[in-house]
PDB file of N, CA and C in Angstrom:
ATOM      1  N   MET A   1     -12.471  17.606   4.425  1.00  0.00           N
ATOM      2  CA  MET A   1     -11.972  16.810   3.146  1.00  0.00           C
ATOM      3  C   MET A   1     -10.687  15.909   3.989  1.00  0.00           C
ATOM      4  N   ARG A   2     -10.069  16.128   4.818  1.00  0.00           N
ATOM      5  CA  ARG A   2      -9.148  15.441   5.885  1.00  0.00           C
ATOM      6  C   ARG A   2     -10.089  14.328   6.384  1.00  0.00           C
ATOM      7  N   ASP A   3     -11.096  14.793   7.093  1.00  0.00           N
ATOM      8  CA  ASP A   3     -11.834  13.443   7.752  1.00  0.00           C
ATOM      9  C   ASP A   3     -12.300  12.487   6.888  1.00  0.00           C
ATOM     10  N   ARG A   4     -12.763  13.258   5.721  1.00  0.00           N
ATOM     11  CA  ARG A   4     -13.158  11.786   4.714  1.00  0.00           C
ATOM     12  C   ARG A   4     -12.253  11.260   4.355  1.00  0.00           C
ATOM     13  N   LEU A   5     -11.192  11.849   3.770  1.00  0.00           N
ATOM     14  CA  LEU A   5      -9.836  10.926   3.517  1.00  0.00           C
ATOM     15  C   LEU A   5      -9.163  10.012   4.739  1.00  0.00           C
ATOM     16  N   ARG A   6      -9.427  10.441   5.754  1.00  0.00           N
ATOM     17  CA  ARG A   6      -8.999   9.765   7.144  1.00  0.00           C
ATOM     18  C   ARG A   6      -9.867   8.405   6.884  1.00  0.00           C
ATOM     19  N   ASP A   7     -11.323   8.827   6.922  1.00  0.00           N
ATOM     20  CA  ASP A   7     -12.298   7.915   6.971  1.00  0.00           C
ATOM     21  C   ASP A   7     -12.083   6.686   5.832  1.00  0.00           C
ATOM     22  N   THR A   8     -11.952   7.199   4.548  1.00  0.00           N
ATOM     23  CA  THR A   8     -12.162   6.565   3.566  1.00  0.00           C
ATOM     24  C   THR A   8     -10.602   5.533   3.577  1.00  0.00           C
ATOM     25  N   HIS A   9      -9.498   6.259   4.064  1.00  0.00           N
ATOM     26  CA  HIS A   9      -8.251   5.184   4.076  1.00  0.00           C
ATOM     27  C   HIS A   9      -8.623   3.851   5.222  1.00  0.00           C
ATOM     28  N   GLU A  10      -8.806   4.661   6.417  1.00  0.00           N
ATOM     29  CA  GLU A  10      -9.356   3.488   7.386  1.00  0.00           C
ATOM     30  C   GLU A  10     -10.473   2.239   7.302  1.00  0.00           C
ATOM     31  N   HIS A  11     -11.136   2.999   6.611  1.00  0.00           N
ATOM     32  CA  HIS A  11     -12.527   1.949   6.559  1.00  0.00           C
ATOM     33  C   HIS A  11     -12.397   1.174   4.930  1.00  0.00           C
ATOM     34  N   LEU A  12     -12.072   1.524   3.815  1.00  0.00           N
ATOM     35  CA  LEU A  12     -12.030   0.958   2.764  1.00  0.00           C
ATOM     36  C   LEU A  12     -10.526   0.581   2.225  1.00  0.00           C
ATOM     37  N   PHE A  13      -9.474   1.030   2.915  1.00  0.00           N
ATOM     38  CA  PHE A  13      -8.409   0.453   2.663  1.00  0.00           C
ATOM     39  C   PHE A  13      -7.821  -0.717   3.831  1.00  0.00           C
ATOM     40  N   VAL A  14      -7.720   0.011   5.077  1.00  0.00           N
ATOM     41  CA  VAL A  14      -7.118  -0.690   6.006  1.00  0.00           C
ATOM     42  C   VAL A  14      -8.054  -1.753   6.676  1.00  0.00           C
ATOM     43  N   GLU A  15      -8.968  -1.629   7.008  1.00  0.00           N
ATOM     44  CA  GLU A  15      -9.857  -2.389   7.760  1.00  0.00           C
ATOM     45  C   GLU A  15      -9.823  -3.850   7.182  1.00  0.00           C
ATOM     46  N   PRO A  16     -10.208  -3.641   5.444  1.00  0.00           N
ATOM     47  CA  PRO A  16     -10.695  -5.008   4.881  1.00  0.00           C
ATOM     48  C   PRO A  16      -9.420  -5.643   4.853  1.00  0.00           C
ATOM     49  N   LEU A  17      -8.358  -5.221   4.624  1.00  0.00           N
ATOM     50  CA  LEU A  17      -7.031  -5.758   4.659  1.00  0.00           C
ATOM     51  C   LEU A  17      -6.578  -6.190   5.863  1.00  0.00           C
ATOM     52  N   ARG A  18      -6.714  -5.665   6.971  1.00  0.00           N
ATOM     53  CA  ARG A  18      -6.170  -6.215   8.147  1.00  0.00           C
ATOM     54  C   ARG A  18      -6.790  -7.470   8.512  1.00  0.00           C
ATOM     55  N   GLY A  19      -8.261  -7.520   8.033  1.00  0.00           N
ATOM     56  CA  GLY A  19      -9.155  -8.802   8.116  1.00  0.00           C
ATOM     57  C   GLY A  19      -8.667  -9.796   7.626  1.00  0.00           C
ATOM     58  N   ARG A  20      -7.799  -9.587   6.467  1.00  0.00           N
ATOM     59  CA  ARG A  20      -7.649 -10.967   5.854  1.00  0.00           C
ATOM     60  C   ARG A  20      -5.716 -11.140   5.896  1.00  0.00           C
ATOM     61  N   LEU A  21      -5.271 -10.269   7.024  1.00  0.00           N
ATOM     62  CA  LEU A  21      -4.095 -10.785   7.547  1.00  0.00           C
ATOM     63  C   LEU A  21      -3.647 -11.517   8.732  1.00  0.00           C
ATOM     64  N   THR A  22      -2.618 -12.062   8.981  1.00  0.00           N
ATOM     65  CA  THR A  22      -2.623 -13.149  10.211  1.00  0.00           C
ATOM     66  C   THR A  22      -1.254 -12.333  10.418  1.00  0.00           C
ATOM     67  N   GLY A  23      -1.071 -12.554  12.153  1.00  0.00           N
ATOM     68  CA  GLY A  23       0.331 -12.230  12.580  1.00  0.00           C
ATOM     69  C   GLY A  23       0.112 -11.209  13.618  1.00  0.00           C
ATOM     70  N   PRO A  24       1.075 -10.655  14.112  1.00  0.00           N
ATOM     71  CA  PRO A  24       0.921  -9.864  15.053  1.00  0.00           C
ATOM     72  C   PRO A  24       1.264  -8.342  14.637  1.00  0.00           C
ATOM     73  N   ASP A  25       1.637  -8.467  13.488  1.00  0.00           N
ATOM     74  CA  ASP A  25       2.266  -6.937  12.644  1.00  0.00           C
ATOM     75  C   ASP A  25       1.118  -6.704  11.677  1.00  0.00           C
ATOM     76  N   ALA A  26      -0.169  -7.503  11.710  1.00  0.00           N
ATOM     77  CA  ALA A  26      -1.071  -7.453  10.665  1.00  0.00           C
ATOM     78  C   ALA A  26      -1.760  -5.754  10.289  1.00  0.00           C
ATOM     79  N   ASP A  27      -1.845  -5.019  11.452  1.00  0.00           N
ATOM     80  CA  ASP A  27      -2.248  -3.777  11.318  1.00  0.00           C
ATOM     81  C   ASP A  27      -1.334  -3.126  10.808  1.00  0.00           C
ATOM     82  N   LEU A  28       0.108  -3.111  10.826  1.00  0.00           N
ATOM     83  CA  LEU A  28       1.282  -2.422  10.290  1.00  0.00           C
ATOM     84  C   LEU A  28       1.247  -2.650   8.991  1.00  0.00           C
ATOM     85  N   ARG A  29       1.117  -3.879   8.586  1.00  0.00           N
ATOM     86  CA  ARG A  29       1.252  -4.647   7.060  1.00  0.00           C
ATOM     87  C   ARG A  29       0.076  -3.620   6.441  1.00  0.00           C
ATOM     88  N   ALA A  30      -1.017  -3.935   6.731  1.00  0.00           N
ATOM     89  CA  ALA A  30      -2.258  -3.435   6.360  1.00  0.00           C
ATOM     90  C   ALA A  30      -2.094  -1.993   6.029  1.00  0.00           C
ATOM     91  N   ARG A  31      -1.869  -1.216   7.064  1.00  0.00           N
ATOM     92  CA  ARG A  31      -1.586   0.348   6.809  1.00  0.00           C
ATOM     93  C   ARG A  31      -0.456   0.477   5.871  1.00  0.00           C
ATOM     94  N   THR A  32       0.612  -0.034   5.767  1.00  0.00           N
ATOM     95  CA  THR A  32       1.848   0.037   4.955  1.00  0.00           C
ATOM     96  C   THR A  32       1.374  -0.231   3.636  1.00  0.00           C
ATOM     97  N   ALA A  33       0.511  -1.363   3.008  1.00  0.00           N
ATOM     98  CA  ALA A  33      -0.258  -1.713   1.980  1.00  0.00           C
ATOM     99  C   ALA A  33      -1.032  -0.403   1.424  1.00  0.00           C
ATOM    100  N   ALA A  34      -1.714  -0.208   2.283  1.00  0.00           N
ATOM    101  CA  ALA A  34      -2.494   1.208   2.084  1.00  0.00           C
ATOM    102  C   ALA A  34      -1.764   2.239   1.738  1.00  0.00           C
ATOM    103  N   ALA A  35      -0.731   2.629   2.222  1.00  0.00           N
ATOM    104  CA  ALA A  35       0.033   3.785   1.774  1.00  0.00           C
ATOM    105  C   ALA A  35       0.718   3.488   0.495  1.00  0.00           C
ATOM    106  N   VAL A  36       1.162   2.468   0.429  1.00  0.00           N
ATOM    107  CA  VAL A  36       1.545   2.098  -1.090  1.00  0.00           C
ATOM    108  C   VAL A  36       0.646   2.110  -2.036  1.00  0.00           C
ATOM    109  N   ALA A  37      -0.474   1.501  -1.844  1.00  0.00           N
ATOM    110  CA  ALA A  37      -1.333   1.852  -3.201  1.00  0.00           C
ATOM    111  C   ALA A  37      -1.965   3.313  -3.087  1.00  0.00           C
ATOM    112  N   GLY A  38      -2.120   3.978  -1.947  1.00  0.00           N
ATOM    113  CA  GLY A  38      -2.695   5.621  -2.041  1.00  0.00           C
ATOM    114  C   GLY A  38      -1.213   6.332  -2.707  1.00  0.00           C
ATOM    115  N   GLY A  39       0.000   5.832  -2.468  1.00  0.00           N
ATOM    116  CA  GLY A  39       0.752   6.618  -3.129  1.00  0.00           C
ATOM    117  C   GLY A  39       0.564   6.556  -4.598  1.00  0.00           C
ATOM    118  N   LEU A  40       0.508   5.288  -4.927  1.00  0.00           N
ATOM    119  CA  LEU A  40       0.334   5.114  -6.442  1.00  0.00           C
ATOM    120  C   LEU A  40      -1.184   5.875  -6.881  1.00  0.00           C
ATOM    121  N   LEU A  41      -2.320   5.934  -6.536  1.00  0.00           N
ATOM    122  CA  LEU A  41      -3.270   6.773  -6.765  1.00  0.00           C
ATOM    123  C   LEU A  41      -2.771   8.078  -6.739  1.00  0.00           C
ATOM    124  N   TYR A  42      -2.373   8.799  -5.968  1.00  0.00           N
ATOM    125  CA  TYR A  42      -2.000  10.314  -5.854  1.00  0.00           C
ATOM    126  C   TYR A  42      -1.161  10.331  -6.969  1.00  0.00           C
ATOM    127  N   ALA A  43       0.162   9.632  -7.361  1.00  0.00           N
ATOM    128  CA  ALA A  43       0.986   9.877  -8.081  1.00  0.00           C
ATOM    129  C   ALA A  43       0.339   9.787  -9.642  1.00  0.00           C
ATOM    130  N   LEU A  44      -0.713   8.773  -9.781  1.00  0.00           N
ATOM    131  CA  LEU A  44      -1.396   8.874 -11.171  1.00  0.00           C
ATOM    132  C   LEU A  44      -2.560  10.098 -11.220  1.00  0.00           C
ATOM    133  N   TRP A  45      -3.252  10.195 -10.421  1.00  0.00           N
ATOM    134  CA  TRP A  45      -4.563  10.981 -10.554  1.00  0.00           C
ATOM    135  C   TRP A  45      -4.489  12.442 -10.059  1.00  0.00           C
ATOM    136  N   VAL A  46      -3.676  12.697  -9.062  1.00  0.00           N
ATOM    137  CA  VAL A  46      -3.370  14.065  -8.393  1.00  0.00           C
ATOM    138  C   VAL A  46      -2.256  14.883  -9.261  1.00  0.00           C
ATOM    139  N   ALA A  47      -1.292  14.176  -9.090  1.00  0.00           N
ATOM    140  CA  ALA A  47       0.078  14.614  -9.471  1.00  0.00           C
ATOM    141  C   ALA A  47       0.126  14.311 -10.991  1.00  0.00           C
ATOM    142  N   GLU A  48      -0.460  13.299 -11.817  1.00  0.00           N
ATOM    143  CA  GLU A  48      -0.359  13.086 -12.924  1.00  0.00           C
ATOM    144  C   GLU A  48       1.167  12.983 -13.480  1.00  0.00           C
ATOM    145  N   ASP A  49       1.854  11.926 -12.704  1.00  0.00           N
ATOM    146  CA  ASP A  49       3.236  11.601 -13.031  1.00  0.00           C
ATOM    147  C   ASP A  49       3.264  10.834 -14.378  1.00  0.00           C
ATOM    148  N   GLN A  50       4.025  11.757 -15.189  1.00  0.00           N
ATOM    149  CA  GLN A  50       3.919  11.294 -16.696  1.00  0.00           C
ATOM    150  C   GLN A  50       4.951  10.428 -17.000  1.00  0.00           C
ATOM    151  N   GLY A  51       5.957   9.997 -16.126  1.00  0.00           N
ATOM    152  CA  GLY A  51       6.726   9.030 -15.986  1.00  0.00           C
ATOM    153  C   GLY A  51       5.997   7.798 -15.657  1.00  0.00           C
ATOM    154  N   LEU A  52       5.132   7.669 -14.760  1.00  0.00           N
ATOM    155  CA  LEU A  52       4.384   6.340 -14.491  1.00  0.00           C
ATOM    156  C   LEU A  52       3.215   6.334 -15.503  1.00  0.00           C
ATOM    157  N   LEU A  53       2.336   7.428 -16.085  1.00  0.00           N
ATOM    158  CA  LEU A  53       1.605   7.305 -16.878  1.00  0.00           C
ATOM    159  C   LEU A  53       2.046   6.660 -18.558  1.00  0.00           C
ATOM    160  N   ARG A  54       3.284   6.938 -18.538  1.00  0.00           N
ATOM    161  CA  ARG A  54       3.711   6.745 -19.759  1.00  0.00           C
ATOM    162  C   ARG A  54       4.061   4.926 -19.567  1.00  0.00           C
ATOM    163  N   LEU A  55       4.421   4.587 -18.511  1.00  0.00           N
ATOM    164  CA  LEU A  55       5.060   3.416 -18.298  1.00  0.00           C
ATOM    165  C   LEU A  55       3.725   2.200 -18.759  1.00  0.00           C
ATOM    166  N   ASP A  56       4.191   1.452 -19.707  1.00  0.00           N
ATOM    167  CA  ASP A  56       3.466   0.085 -19.881  1.00  0.00           C
ATOM    168  C   ASP A  56       2.580  -0.236 -18.969  1.00  0.00           C
ATOM    169  N   ARG A  57       1.630  -0.369 -18.897  1.00  0.00           N
ATOM    170  CA  ARG A  57       0.701  -0.758 -17.744  1.00  0.00           C
ATOM    171  C   ARG A  57       1.033  -2.118 -17.003  1.00  0.00           C
ATOM    172  N   THR A  58       1.604  -2.998 -17.786  1.00  0.00           N
ATOM    173  CA  THR A  58       2.065  -4.517 -17.368  1.00  0.00           C
ATOM    174  C   THR A  58       3.127  -4.233 -16.257  1.00  0.00           C
ATOM    175  N   GLU A  59       4.039  -3.342 -16.930  1.00  0.00           N
ATOM    176  CA  GLU A  59       5.264  -3.269 -16.163  1.00  0.00           C
ATOM    177  C   GLU A  59       4.820  -2.316 -14.841  1.00  0.00           C
ATOM    178  N   LEU A  60       4.000  -1.564 -14.888  1.00  0.00           N
ATOM    179  CA  LEU A  60       3.420  -0.796 -13.711  1.00  0.00           C
ATOM    180  C   LEU A  60       3.249  -1.612 -12.847  1.00  0.00           C
ATOM    181  N   VAL A  61       2.124  -2.455 -13.397  1.00  0.00           N
ATOM    182  CA  VAL A  61       1.159  -3.509 -12.449  1.00  0.00           C
ATOM    183  C   VAL A  61       2.245  -4.496 -11.744  1.00  0.00           C
ATOM    184  N   SER A  62       3.315  -5.032 -12.506  1.00  0.00           N
ATOM    185  CA  SER A  62       4.349  -5.888 -11.951  1.00  0.00           C
ATOM    186  C   SER A  62       5.289  -5.219 -10.758  1.00  0.00           C
ATOM    187  N   ARG A  63       5.691  -4.046 -11.108  1.00  0.00           N
ATOM    188  CA  ARG A  63       6.457  -3.391 -10.253  1.00  0.00           C
ATOM    189  C   ARG A  63       5.795  -2.878  -8.874  1.00  0.00           C
ATOM    190  N   TYR A  64       4.563  -2.371  -8.850  1.00  0.00           N
ATOM    191  CA  TYR A  64       3.824  -2.251  -7.598  1.00  0.00           C
ATOM    192  C   TYR A  64       3.202  -3.586  -6.931  1.00  0.00           C
ATOM    193  N   GLY A  65       3.241  -4.404  -7.888  1.00  0.00           N
ATOM    194  CA  GLY A  65       2.605  -5.590  -7.196  1.00  0.00           C
ATOM    195  C   GLY A  65       3.994  -6.423  -6.619  1.00  0.00           C
ATOM    196  N   THR A  66       4.775  -5.999  -6.735  1.00  0.00           N
ATOM    197  CA  THR A  66       6.029  -6.516  -6.165  1.00  0.00           C
ATOM    198  C   THR A  66       6.351  -5.754  -4.976  1.00  0.00           C
ATOM    199  N   LEU A  67       5.989  -4.429  -4.935  1.00  0.00           N
ATOM    200  CA  LEU A  67       6.134  -3.595  -3.569  1.00  0.00           C
ATOM    201  C   LEU A  67       5.282  -3.984  -2.586  1.00  0.00           C
ATOM    202  N   LEU A  68       3.782  -4.454  -2.941  1.00  0.00           N
ATOM    203  CA  LEU A  68       2.558  -4.490  -2.090  1.00  0.00           C
ATOM    204  C   LEU A  68       3.018  -6.021  -2.007  1.00  0.00           C
ATOM    205  N   GLN A  69       3.226  -6.886  -2.657  1.00  0.00           N
ATOM    206  CA  GLN A  69       3.804  -8.502  -1.999  1.00  0.00           C
ATOM    207  C   GLN A  69       4.889  -8.397  -1.040  1.00  0.00           C
ATOM    208  N   GLU A  70       5.703  -7.343  -0.948  1.00  0.00           N
ATOM    209  CA  GLU A  70       6.709  -7.114  -0.127  1.00  0.00           C
ATOM    210  C   GLU A  70       6.203  -6.774   1.074  1.00  0.00           C
ATOM    211  N   VAL A  71       5.289  -5.925   1.514  1.00  0.00           N
ATOM    212  CA  VAL A  71       4.927  -5.367   2.323  1.00  0.00           C
ATOM    213  C   VAL A  71       3.726  -6.216   2.826  1.00  0.00           C
ATOM    214  N   LEU A  72       3.181  -6.904   2.249  1.00  0.00           N
ATOM    215  CA  LEU A  72       2.101  -7.922   2.614  1.00  0.00           C
ATOM    216  C   LEU A  72       2.476  -9.082   3.317  1.00  0.00           C
ATOM    217  N   THR A  73       3.647  -9.661   2.718  1.00  0.00           N
ATOM    218  CA  THR A  73       4.277 -10.983   3.165  1.00  0.00           C
ATOM    219  C   THR A  73       6.026 -10.712   2.708  1.00  0.00           C
ATOM    220  N   PRO A  74       6.706  -9.924   4.105  1.00  0.00           N
ATOM    221  CA  PRO A  74       7.935  -9.612   4.071  1.00  0.00           C
ATOM    222  C   PRO A  74       8.513 -10.712   4.320  1.00  0.00           C
ATOM    223  N   ARG A  75       9.656 -10.786   3.714  1.00  0.00           N
ATOM    224  CA  ARG A  75      10.944 -11.801   3.996  1.00  0.00           C
ATOM    225  C   ARG A  75      11.427 -11.220   5.559  1.00  0.00           C
ATOM    226  N   GLU A  76      11.709 -12.584   5.883  1.00  0.00           N
ATOM    227  CA  GLU A  76      12.845 -12.448   7.534  1.00  0.00           C
ATOM    228  C   GLU A  76      13.451 -11.303   7.331  1.00  0.00           C
ATOM    229  N   SER A  77      13.368 -10.563   8.276  1.00  0.00           N
ATOM    230  CA  SER A  77      14.313  -9.258   8.069  1.00  0.00           C
ATOM    231  C   SER A  77      15.556  -9.538   9.342  1.00  0.00           C
ATOM    232  N   PRO A  78      16.792  -9.085   8.927  1.00  0.00           N
ATOM    233  CA  PRO A  78      17.850  -8.938  10.235  1.00  0.00           C
ATOM    234  C   PRO A  78      17.401  -7.970  10.884  1.00  0.00           C
ATOM    235  N   VAL A  79      16.564  -7.039  10.661  1.00  0.00           N
ATOM    236  CA  VAL A  79      16.827  -5.731  11.449  1.00  0.00           C
ATOM    237  C   VAL A  79      15.347  -6.080  12.406  1.00  0.00           C
ATOM    238  N   PRO A  80      15.484  -6.116  13.873  1.00  0.00           N
ATOM    239  CA  PRO A  80      14.433  -6.166  14.922  1.00  0.00           C
ATOM    240  C   PRO A  80      13.424  -5.395  14.773  1.00  0.00           C
ATOM    241  N   GLN A  81      12.323  -5.974  14.998  1.00  0.00           N
ATOM    242  CA  GLN A  81      11.041  -5.368  14.838  1.00  0.00           C
ATOM    243  C   GLN A  81      10.545  -4.346  16.248  1.00  0.00           C
ATOM    244  N   VAL A  82      10.307  -3.047  16.165  1.00  0.00           N
ATOM    245  CA  VAL A  82       9.883  -2.511  17.177  1.00  0.00           C
ATOM    246  C   VAL A  82       8.423  -2.787  17.847  1.00  0.00           C
ATOM    247  N   PRO A  83       8.201  -3.005  18.727  1.00  0.00           N
ATOM    248  CA  PRO A  83       7.087  -3.232  19.227  1.00  0.00           C
ATOM    249  C   PRO A  83       5.876  -2.069  19.251  1.00  0.00           C
TER     250      PRO A  83
END
């Protein structure tokens, strides 16, 4: 099961997204975005988080969209990036 989840994460989430991003940190941003999306899927379908399930869908999409956008196109950060 772990191998299947790892392959799915890499080939269905990370690789396609990384191919659409530019910049030296494209891989990191793709992996972080996949983790954010995966976290939402886990919360909704595995943990069945009732607080999220009860939330208005438009608000949930807006809030998670904001998180994903920040990961994909981060603002300039005063914290130096680790190579």
